[in-house]
Amino acid sequence: MTQDAPTPHTPATFALWLKEQMRLRRYPDRGGQARLAADAGISTATVSRLLRAEGLPDLRTLTALAEVLHKPLGEILVRAAVLSPDDLDAAARPIPPAPITPRQAAAELGITSPEGITAFERMVNGIRATEPDERRARE
């Protein structure tokens, strides 16, 4: 069995999704666009354009829709084709901190005397000498 590729998000798929969200939240066919616009603090013309799949909504509009529809902003950004799912995943990953030197670590720990810094650097370098070499461990 093959798995179908996910449908790409486009203004048209966003329009369909937004119509469904309006239906689920009981925005009526008549007057629903105006009520959604008022609830979100955006113009009725903007909601109308989104439902006709015309143009790309701005971040403020998408943020307002996320709040009123009770959806995560990330989901809205992907559905509106502002971000891809991969972009969203990448944005959620923490950036690992850059390694620091023993001298920087000493400063972070409040070691300020030249003798203390030298002793700390020697200790760290001694510990490093007992650690396996990462490159050799991978071979």
Foldseek 3Di string as FASTA:
>chain_A
DDDDDDDAAALQQQLVVVVVLLVVVPQDPPCSLVVLCVQLVHDSVVSVCSNVSHDQDDLSSLVSNCVSSVHDSLVSCRNSVVDPVVRSVVVPDDDDDDDDAQLVVCVVVVNDDPVSSVVSNVVVVVVVVPDDDPVVVVD
